[in-house]
Amino acid sequence: MTVERFQIQVSDEVLDDLKYRLDHVRWPGQLQDSGWERGTELGYLQSLVSYWRDDFDWRAQEAELNRFSQFRSTVDGIAVHFVHERGTGPNPIPLILTHGWPDSYLRYRKIIPLLTDPASYGGDPEDSFDVIVPSLPGFGFSGRPGHSGINNSRVSGIWAKLMTEELGYSRFAAAGGDMGSGVTRYLAASHPELLIGIHLTDIGIIRDLLASQAQAELSEEELRYKQQAQEWISLEGAYMSIQSTKPQTLSFGLSDSPVGLAAWLVEKFRSWSDCSGDLELRFSKNELLTNIMIYWVTNTIGSSAHMYYENTHSLPSLGRIEVPAGIALFPADILLPPRTWAERSLNITRWTSMPRGGHFTAMEEPELLAEDIRAFYRPFRTSRSEQL
């Protein structure tokens, strides 16, 4: 296993092919009296694609992403791309941040400097972190697994080796949301001796429901949450049903059509964010398109969807986790579990209800999330210094 420097360098051939496809879109129709309720709205997507074709500058975005220190290493036979930015404070805590779907490692772009160099943003230099942000296997610039079985649990094992064997950290912190929450929880369950603590912005949906206590043991608040989760899955979970059962079939269309890919992704950014129905209250066109481009130029929409299949069919059960956990809930996120539900499986030492923000926490409210991460880990810094 060798860590090598990495720079994003998309070929002109890939960009020329994309331009051709954007110039030759075959648009579907849309009912005159419908908007977003049946899926991505035609008028909005046409305006986004027009900007993508005529004004979006991938080379500028590529250069911006390449300002981060990026690396690749092969761990357990899988090439892992990751950002590794060193903290500027006197004793940075190593922190691995794990993204989910339909975002990418781009989720954490805004928060990285807030965590590595808090003093430059009005914070305390004592709160600094070494920040590691990998791309999940099958996502972005990491390798696409050539075999089955790469689920949240397997990824957590890869992360443990990346942090210890490749980067040389004996103990570290971990945080994540969406699929990244699952990876982080499996990491804490499988390697508690390595974890200082974990910070989560959600606690998952499906497996928590399937593994929940018997109805009679749940409080009224927990029963309401379980009902809300089941209703959400019924009304909004079609993407999960497809990606966890027939991801290969879906891959053909989304890998071939950049417009189809964009439609599949942006609908989730609108539905799951604190944007009140207006995507660009939270995300610029450049931000949305850069995330889409990471999937397009690497052709990883199919391999990313396969993670849902693996997490449904091959993921082992997860017991109670005793590693200290901090939870930050953002009000417009998919679901907001009651604390009692979360405490059934987690050792919660900090619980924060945020004033605003949605599912894409670090993209929507990076300052709020950065401060909560700093606050959660601050007591562990004291413990560490006393042990030295």
Protein backbone atom coordinates (compact mmCIF):
# COMPACT_ATOMS: atom_id res chain seq x y z
CA MET A 1 0.00 0.00 0.00
CA THR A 2 1.48 3.32 -1.10
CA VAL A 3 0.04 6.81 -0.75
CA GLU A 4 0.50 8.81 -3.93
CA ARG A 5 -0.24 12.44 -4.73
CA PHE A 6 -3.33 12.94 -6.88
CA GLN A 7 -4.58 15.75 -9.10
CA ILE A 8 -7.85 15.82 -11.03
CA GLN A 9 -7.12 15.92 -14.76
CA VAL A 10 -10.18 15.29 -16.89
CA SER A 11 -9.31 14.80 -20.54
CA ASP A 12 -10.52 17.15 -23.27
CA GLU A 13 -12.04 14.10 -24.94
CA VAL A 14 -14.42 13.55 -21.99
CA LEU A 15 -15.40 17.23 -21.94
CA ASP A 16 -15.93 17.33 -25.73
CA ASP A 17 -18.16 14.26 -25.51
CA LEU A 18 -20.17 15.93 -22.73
CA LYS A 19 -20.61 19.07 -24.82
CA TYR A 20 -21.93 17.01 -27.73
CA ARG A 21 -24.46 15.27 -25.48
CA LEU A 22 -25.64 18.57 -23.98
CA ASP A 23 -26.07 19.95 -27.50
CA HIS A 24 -28.29 17.02 -28.53
CA VAL A 25 -30.75 16.51 -25.69
CA ARG A 26 -34.12 14.90 -26.37
CA TRP A 27 -36.42 16.44 -23.78
CA PRO A 28 -39.52 14.70 -22.41
CA GLY A 29 -42.81 16.51 -22.06
CA GLN A 30 -44.36 17.67 -18.81
CA LEU A 31 -47.98 18.05 -17.79
CA GLN A 32 -49.04 21.69 -17.84
CA ASP A 33 -50.47 21.61 -14.32
CA SER A 34 -47.50 19.85 -12.67
CA GLY A 35 -44.32 21.12 -11.06
CA TRP A 36 -41.85 19.14 -8.96
CA GLU A 37 -44.39 16.77 -7.41
CA ARG A 38 -43.80 14.12 -10.10
CA GLY A 39 -40.03 14.56 -10.17
CA THR A 40 -37.54 17.04 -11.57
CA GLU A 41 -39.30 20.01 -13.16
CA LEU A 42 -38.65 20.49 -16.88
CA GLY A 43 -38.19 24.26 -16.89
CA TYR A 44 -35.67 24.26 -14.07
CA LEU A 45 -33.63 21.45 -15.59
CA GLN A 46 -33.57 23.16 -18.98
CA SER A 47 -32.22 26.33 -17.37
CA LEU A 48 -29.56 24.33 -15.49
CA VAL A 49 -28.51 22.48 -18.63
CA SER A 50 -28.36 25.73 -20.57
CA TYR A 51 -25.96 27.12 -17.97
CA TRP A 52 -24.00 23.85 -17.98
CA ARG A 53 -23.60 23.98 -21.75
CA ASP A 54 -22.86 27.70 -22.21
CA ASP A 55 -21.42 29.12 -18.97
CA PHE A 56 -20.16 26.43 -16.61
CA ASP A 57 -16.34 26.28 -16.46
CA TRP A 58 -15.19 22.83 -15.39
CA ARG A 59 -11.53 23.75 -15.68
CA ALA A 60 -12.01 26.52 -13.09
CA GLN A 61 -13.78 24.11 -10.75
CA GLU A 62 -11.13 21.48 -11.35
CA ALA A 63 -8.40 23.97 -10.42
CA GLU A 64 -10.29 24.94 -7.27
CA LEU A 65 -10.63 21.31 -6.19
CA ASN A 66 -6.95 20.73 -6.90
CA ARG A 67 -6.04 23.36 -4.30
CA PHE A 68 -6.67 20.67 -1.70
CA SER A 69 -3.94 18.15 -0.91
CA GLN A 70 -5.30 15.02 -2.59
CA PHE A 71 -3.99 11.48 -2.60
CA ARG A 72 -4.80 7.96 -3.72
CA SER A 73 -3.88 4.70 -2.06
CA THR A 74 -4.88 1.10 -2.66
CA VAL A 75 -6.42 -0.45 0.46
CA ASP A 76 -7.79 -4.00 0.42
CA GLY A 77 -7.49 -3.97 -3.36
CA ILE A 78 -9.54 -0.78 -3.83
CA ALA A 79 -8.10 2.55 -4.93
CA VAL A 80 -9.19 5.21 -2.43
CA HIS A 81 -9.08 8.90 -3.28
CA PHE A 82 -8.92 11.28 -0.34
CA VAL A 83 -8.19 14.84 0.73
CA HIS A 84 -5.70 15.15 3.59
CA GLU A 85 -5.35 18.66 4.98
CA ARG A 86 -3.17 19.20 8.05
CA GLY A 87 -4.41 21.33 10.94
CA THR A 88 -2.58 24.52 11.85
CA GLY A 89 -3.19 24.40 15.62
CA PRO A 90 -0.83 23.10 18.31
CA ASN A 91 -2.37 19.60 18.62
CA PRO A 92 -4.78 18.78 15.77
CA ILE A 93 -7.09 15.79 16.16
CA PRO A 94 -7.19 13.56 13.06
CA LEU A 95 -10.77 13.53 11.75
CA ILE A 96 -12.14 11.42 8.90
CA LEU A 97 -15.29 12.82 7.26
CA THR A 98 -17.47 10.48 5.20
CA HIS A 99 -19.99 11.68 2.62
CA GLY A 100 -23.05 9.92 1.22
CA TRP A 101 -25.29 9.87 -1.86
CA PRO A 102 -26.17 11.84 -4.02
CA ASP A 103 -23.32 14.06 -2.95
CA SER A 104 -19.59 13.34 -3.03
CA TYR A 105 -16.49 14.41 -1.16
CA LEU A 106 -17.52 17.87 -2.37
CA ARG A 107 -19.99 17.85 0.56
CA TYR A 108 -17.12 18.89 2.87
CA ARG A 109 -15.30 21.42 0.68
CA LYS A 110 -16.55 24.45 2.66
CA ILE A 111 -15.95 22.95 6.09
CA ILE A 112 -12.37 21.74 5.60
CA PRO A 113 -10.69 25.13 6.22
CA LEU A 114 -13.01 25.85 9.16
CA LEU A 115 -11.76 22.69 10.86
CA THR A 116 -8.09 22.78 9.88
CA ASP A 117 -7.56 26.48 10.57
CA PRO A 118 -10.25 27.73 12.99
CA ALA A 119 -8.18 30.74 14.02
CA SER A 120 -8.52 32.25 10.54
CA TYR A 121 -12.32 32.14 10.91
CA GLY A 122 -12.66 33.62 14.39
CA GLY A 123 -12.16 30.34 16.24
CA ASP A 124 -9.64 28.94 18.69
CA PRO A 125 -6.46 27.40 17.20
CA GLU A 126 -6.70 24.74 19.92
CA ASP A 127 -9.77 23.39 18.08
CA SER A 128 -7.92 22.43 14.90
CA PHE A 129 -8.12 19.07 13.12
CA ASP A 130 -6.16 17.14 10.55
CA VAL A 131 -9.02 16.54 8.09
CA ILE A 132 -9.22 13.46 5.88
CA VAL A 133 -12.09 13.30 3.37
CA PRO A 134 -12.16 10.10 1.28
CA SER A 135 -14.38 9.38 -1.68
CA LEU A 136 -16.38 6.24 -0.95
CA PRO A 137 -15.44 3.21 -3.10
CA GLY A 138 -17.40 3.47 -6.32
CA PHE A 139 -17.78 7.23 -5.94
CA GLY A 140 -15.86 10.00 -7.67
CA PHE A 141 -12.14 9.51 -7.96
CA SER A 142 -11.96 6.35 -5.88
CA GLY A 143 -11.89 3.04 -7.71
CA ARG A 144 -15.01 1.18 -8.76
CA PRO A 145 -15.23 -2.19 -6.97
CA GLY A 146 -15.08 -5.10 -9.39
CA HIS A 147 -16.87 -7.50 -7.07
CA SER A 148 -19.79 -7.56 -4.65
CA GLY A 149 -19.70 -7.13 -0.88
CA ILE A 150 -18.46 -3.54 -0.60
CA ASN A 151 -20.94 -2.22 1.94
CA ASN A 152 -20.78 0.26 4.85
CA SER A 153 -19.15 -2.33 7.09
CA ARG A 154 -16.42 -3.19 4.55
CA VAL A 155 -15.77 0.48 3.93
CA SER A 156 -15.35 1.08 7.65
CA GLY A 157 -12.59 -1.53 7.65
CA ILE A 158 -10.92 0.18 4.71
CA TRP A 159 -11.11 3.51 6.54
CA ALA A 160 -9.50 1.97 9.64
CA LYS A 161 -6.56 0.74 7.55
CA LEU A 162 -6.31 4.04 5.70
CA MET A 163 -6.10 6.02 8.93
CA THR A 164 -3.74 3.70 10.81
CA GLU A 165 -1.60 1.77 8.32
CA GLU A 166 -1.45 4.37 5.57
CA LEU A 167 -1.56 7.66 7.45
CA GLY A 168 -0.06 6.54 10.75
CA TYR A 169 -2.70 7.70 13.22
CA SER A 170 -3.09 5.50 16.30
CA ARG A 171 -6.45 7.03 17.30
CA PHE A 172 -8.74 9.40 15.46
CA ALA A 173 -12.16 11.00 15.27
CA ALA A 174 -14.84 10.27 12.68
CA ALA A 175 -17.93 12.08 11.40
CA GLY A 176 -20.44 11.67 8.62
CA GLY A 177 -23.93 11.97 7.28
CA ASP A 178 -26.20 9.91 5.03
CA MET A 179 -24.23 6.82 3.94
CA GLY A 180 -21.30 8.39 5.79
CA SER A 181 -23.24 8.07 9.04
CA GLY A 182 -23.53 4.33 8.47
CA VAL A 183 -19.84 3.94 7.67
CA THR A 184 -18.94 5.96 10.77
CA ARG A 185 -21.17 3.88 13.04
CA TYR A 186 -19.74 0.59 11.68
CA LEU A 187 -16.26 2.01 12.19
CA ALA A 188 -17.07 2.74 15.84
CA ALA A 189 -18.65 -0.69 16.30
CA SER A 190 -15.82 -2.65 14.68
CA HIS A 191 -12.83 -0.59 15.89
CA PRO A 192 -13.82 1.20 19.10
CA GLU A 193 -10.21 1.17 20.29
CA LEU A 194 -9.28 3.48 17.41
CA LEU A 195 -12.06 6.04 17.85
CA ILE A 196 -11.91 9.14 20.04
CA GLY A 197 -15.59 9.76 19.32
CA ILE A 198 -18.05 9.95 16.44
CA HIS A 199 -20.13 12.89 15.23
CA LEU A 200 -23.27 12.24 13.14
CA THR A 201 -25.89 14.36 11.40
CA ASP A 202 -28.35 11.46 11.10
CA ILE A 203 -28.64 7.91 12.38
CA GLY A 204 -29.96 6.11 9.30
CA ILE A 205 -33.46 4.96 8.39
CA ILE A 206 -34.11 1.47 7.11
CA ARG A 207 -31.93 -0.74 9.29
CA ASP A 208 -32.93 1.23 12.37
CA LEU A 209 -36.56 0.48 11.55
CA LEU A 210 -35.96 -3.20 10.86
CA ALA A 211 -33.89 -3.67 14.01
CA SER A 212 -36.11 -1.55 16.27
CA GLN A 213 -37.62 -2.76 19.50
CA ALA A 214 -41.04 -4.38 19.60
CA GLN A 215 -43.90 -1.93 19.24
CA ALA A 216 -44.89 -2.32 22.90
CA GLU A 217 -41.44 -1.16 24.03
CA LEU A 218 -41.52 2.11 22.08
CA SER A 219 -42.71 5.43 23.45
CA GLU A 220 -45.45 7.43 21.70
CA GLU A 221 -42.79 9.77 20.31
CA GLU A 222 -40.81 6.82 18.95
CA LEU A 223 -43.91 5.26 17.43
CA ARG A 224 -44.70 8.55 15.65
CA TYR A 225 -41.15 8.69 14.34
CA LYS A 226 -41.35 5.12 13.08
CA GLN A 227 -44.63 5.92 11.30
CA GLN A 228 -43.14 9.07 9.77
CA ALA A 229 -40.15 7.08 8.54
CA GLN A 230 -42.35 4.46 6.95
CA GLU A 231 -44.46 7.18 5.26
CA TRP A 232 -41.31 8.88 3.99
CA ILE A 233 -40.03 5.62 2.51
CA SER A 234 -43.40 5.08 0.82
CA LEU A 235 -43.61 8.60 -0.66
CA GLU A 236 -39.95 9.49 -1.26
CA GLY A 237 -38.03 6.24 -1.22
CA ALA A 238 -38.49 5.05 -4.81
CA TYR A 239 -34.85 5.86 -5.58
CA MET A 240 -33.80 3.56 -2.71
CA SER A 241 -36.03 0.76 -3.94
CA ILE A 242 -34.48 0.92 -7.41
CA GLN A 243 -30.88 1.31 -6.28
CA SER A 244 -31.15 -1.46 -3.70
CA THR A 245 -32.77 -3.96 -6.11
CA LYS A 246 -31.89 -3.15 -9.76
CA PRO A 247 -28.96 -0.70 -9.76
CA GLN A 248 -27.48 -2.17 -12.91
CA THR A 249 -30.60 -1.44 -14.97
CA LEU A 250 -30.65 2.16 -13.73
CA SER A 251 -26.95 2.57 -14.53
CA PHE A 252 -27.39 2.30 -18.30
CA GLY A 253 -29.55 5.38 -18.64
CA LEU A 254 -27.77 7.56 -16.08
CA SER A 255 -24.30 6.66 -17.37
CA ASP A 256 -25.31 7.52 -20.94
CA SER A 257 -27.26 10.75 -20.41
CA PRO A 258 -25.77 13.71 -18.51
CA VAL A 259 -29.23 15.31 -18.41
CA GLY A 260 -30.74 12.14 -16.97
CA LEU A 261 -27.96 12.09 -14.36
CA ALA A 262 -28.57 15.72 -13.47
CA ALA A 263 -32.32 15.15 -13.12
CA TRP A 264 -31.73 12.13 -10.84
CA LEU A 265 -29.41 14.09 -8.53
CA VAL A 266 -30.81 17.62 -8.33
CA GLU A 267 -34.29 16.46 -7.34
CA LYS A 268 -32.79 15.10 -4.11
CA PHE A 269 -30.89 18.31 -3.42
CA ARG A 270 -34.17 20.20 -3.70
CA SER A 271 -36.25 17.74 -1.67
CA TRP A 272 -33.76 17.17 1.15
CA SER A 273 -32.34 20.66 1.69
CA ASP A 274 -33.57 23.70 3.57
CA CYS A 275 -34.32 25.59 0.35
CA SER A 276 -38.11 26.08 0.56
CA GLY A 277 -38.46 24.76 -2.98
CA ASP A 278 -35.83 27.10 -4.47
CA LEU A 279 -32.62 25.14 -5.01
CA GLU A 280 -30.49 28.21 -5.52
CA LEU A 281 -31.29 29.59 -2.10
CA ARG A 282 -28.86 26.93 -0.89
CA PHE A 283 -26.73 25.85 -3.84
CA SER A 284 -25.26 27.78 -6.72
CA LYS A 285 -25.47 26.32 -10.20
CA ASN A 286 -21.69 25.87 -10.09
CA GLU A 287 -21.95 23.87 -6.88
CA LEU A 288 -24.71 21.61 -8.19
CA LEU A 289 -22.95 21.05 -11.50
CA THR A 290 -19.56 20.37 -9.96
CA ASN A 291 -21.11 17.59 -7.91
CA ILE A 292 -22.84 16.22 -11.02
CA MET A 293 -19.58 16.44 -12.95
CA ILE A 294 -17.75 14.37 -10.34
CA TYR A 295 -20.20 11.55 -11.09
CA TRP A 296 -20.12 12.16 -14.86
CA VAL A 297 -16.39 12.41 -15.56
CA THR A 298 -15.65 9.33 -13.42
CA ASN A 299 -18.70 7.36 -14.68
CA THR A 300 -19.54 6.36 -11.12
CA ILE A 301 -23.30 6.84 -10.89
CA GLY A 302 -23.77 3.11 -11.45
CA SER A 303 -21.13 2.00 -8.95
CA SER A 304 -22.47 4.46 -6.36
CA ALA A 305 -25.97 3.02 -6.76
CA HIS A 306 -24.62 -0.48 -6.14
CA MET A 307 -23.76 0.57 -2.57
CA TYR A 308 -27.50 0.61 -1.86
CA TYR A 309 -27.78 -2.97 -3.11
CA GLU A 310 -24.85 -4.07 -0.97
CA ASN A 311 -26.15 -2.30 2.14
CA THR A 312 -29.51 -4.01 1.68
CA HIS A 313 -28.26 -7.51 0.90
CA SER A 314 -24.88 -8.02 2.57
CA LEU A 315 -24.62 -5.64 5.53
CA PRO A 316 -24.19 -7.34 8.92
CA SER A 317 -26.30 -6.27 11.88
CA LEU A 318 -25.07 -3.42 14.04
CA GLY A 319 -25.24 -3.63 17.82
CA ARG A 320 -25.02 -0.94 20.44
CA ILE A 321 -22.07 1.45 20.07
CA GLU A 322 -20.32 2.63 23.24
CA VAL A 323 -17.93 5.10 21.60
CA PRO A 324 -19.05 8.62 22.64
CA ALA A 325 -21.33 10.13 20.00
CA GLY A 326 -22.39 13.65 19.15
CA ILE A 327 -25.58 14.19 17.15
CA ALA A 328 -26.41 17.40 15.25
CA LEU A 329 -29.89 17.43 13.71
CA PHE A 330 -30.79 19.97 11.03
CA PRO A 331 -34.51 20.85 10.88
CA ALA A 332 -35.09 20.31 7.14
CA ASP A 333 -33.31 16.95 7.04
CA ILE A 334 -35.17 13.86 5.84
CA LEU A 335 -36.19 12.66 9.31
CA LEU A 336 -35.55 13.89 12.84
CA PRO A 337 -35.40 10.97 15.29
CA PRO A 338 -36.22 11.48 18.96
CA ARG A 339 -33.25 11.28 21.27
CA THR A 340 -34.64 8.19 23.01
CA TRP A 341 -34.63 6.33 19.68
CA ALA A 342 -31.00 7.26 19.03
CA GLU A 343 -29.95 6.37 22.57
CA ARG A 344 -31.07 2.78 22.04
CA SER A 345 -27.97 2.19 19.93
CA LEU A 346 -25.61 5.10 20.65
CA ASN A 347 -23.74 6.49 23.66
CA ILE A 348 -24.81 10.10 23.12
CA THR A 349 -22.84 12.76 24.98
CA ARG A 350 -23.92 15.77 22.91
CA TRP A 351 -27.26 16.42 21.17
CA THR A 352 -27.78 19.60 19.13
CA SER A 353 -30.92 20.78 17.36
CA MET A 354 -29.77 23.21 14.70
CA PRO A 355 -31.77 26.37 13.86
CA ARG A 356 -31.65 25.82 10.09
CA GLY A 357 -30.24 23.58 7.39
CA GLY A 358 -31.11 20.28 5.75
CA HIS A 359 -29.64 16.96 4.73
CA PHE A 360 -26.55 18.38 2.99
CA THR A 361 -25.32 19.79 6.25
CA ALA A 362 -21.74 20.83 5.49
CA MET A 363 -22.78 22.33 2.15
CA GLU A 364 -25.74 24.24 3.57
CA GLU A 365 -24.52 25.36 7.00
CA PRO A 366 -20.76 24.75 7.21
CA GLU A 367 -20.21 27.21 10.07
CA LEU A 368 -22.90 25.67 12.26
CA LEU A 369 -21.64 22.15 11.65
CA ALA A 370 -17.98 23.09 12.14
CA GLU A 371 -18.73 24.71 15.49
CA ASP A 372 -20.70 21.69 16.68
CA ILE A 373 -17.88 19.33 15.69
CA ARG A 374 -15.38 21.54 17.51
CA ALA A 375 -17.57 21.68 20.62
CA PHE A 376 -18.17 17.92 20.68
CA TYR A 377 -14.48 17.05 20.50
CA ARG A 378 -13.26 19.81 22.84
CA PRO A 379 -13.60 17.70 26.05
CA PHE A 380 -11.61 14.89 24.43
CA ARG A 381 -8.74 17.27 23.78
CA THR A 382 -8.54 17.91 27.54
CA SER A 383 -8.54 14.17 28.21
CA ARG A 384 -5.80 13.60 25.66
CA SER A 385 -3.55 16.32 27.07
CA GLU A 386 -3.98 14.93 30.60
CA GLN A 387 -2.87 11.51 29.39
CA LEU A 388 0.36 12.85 27.85
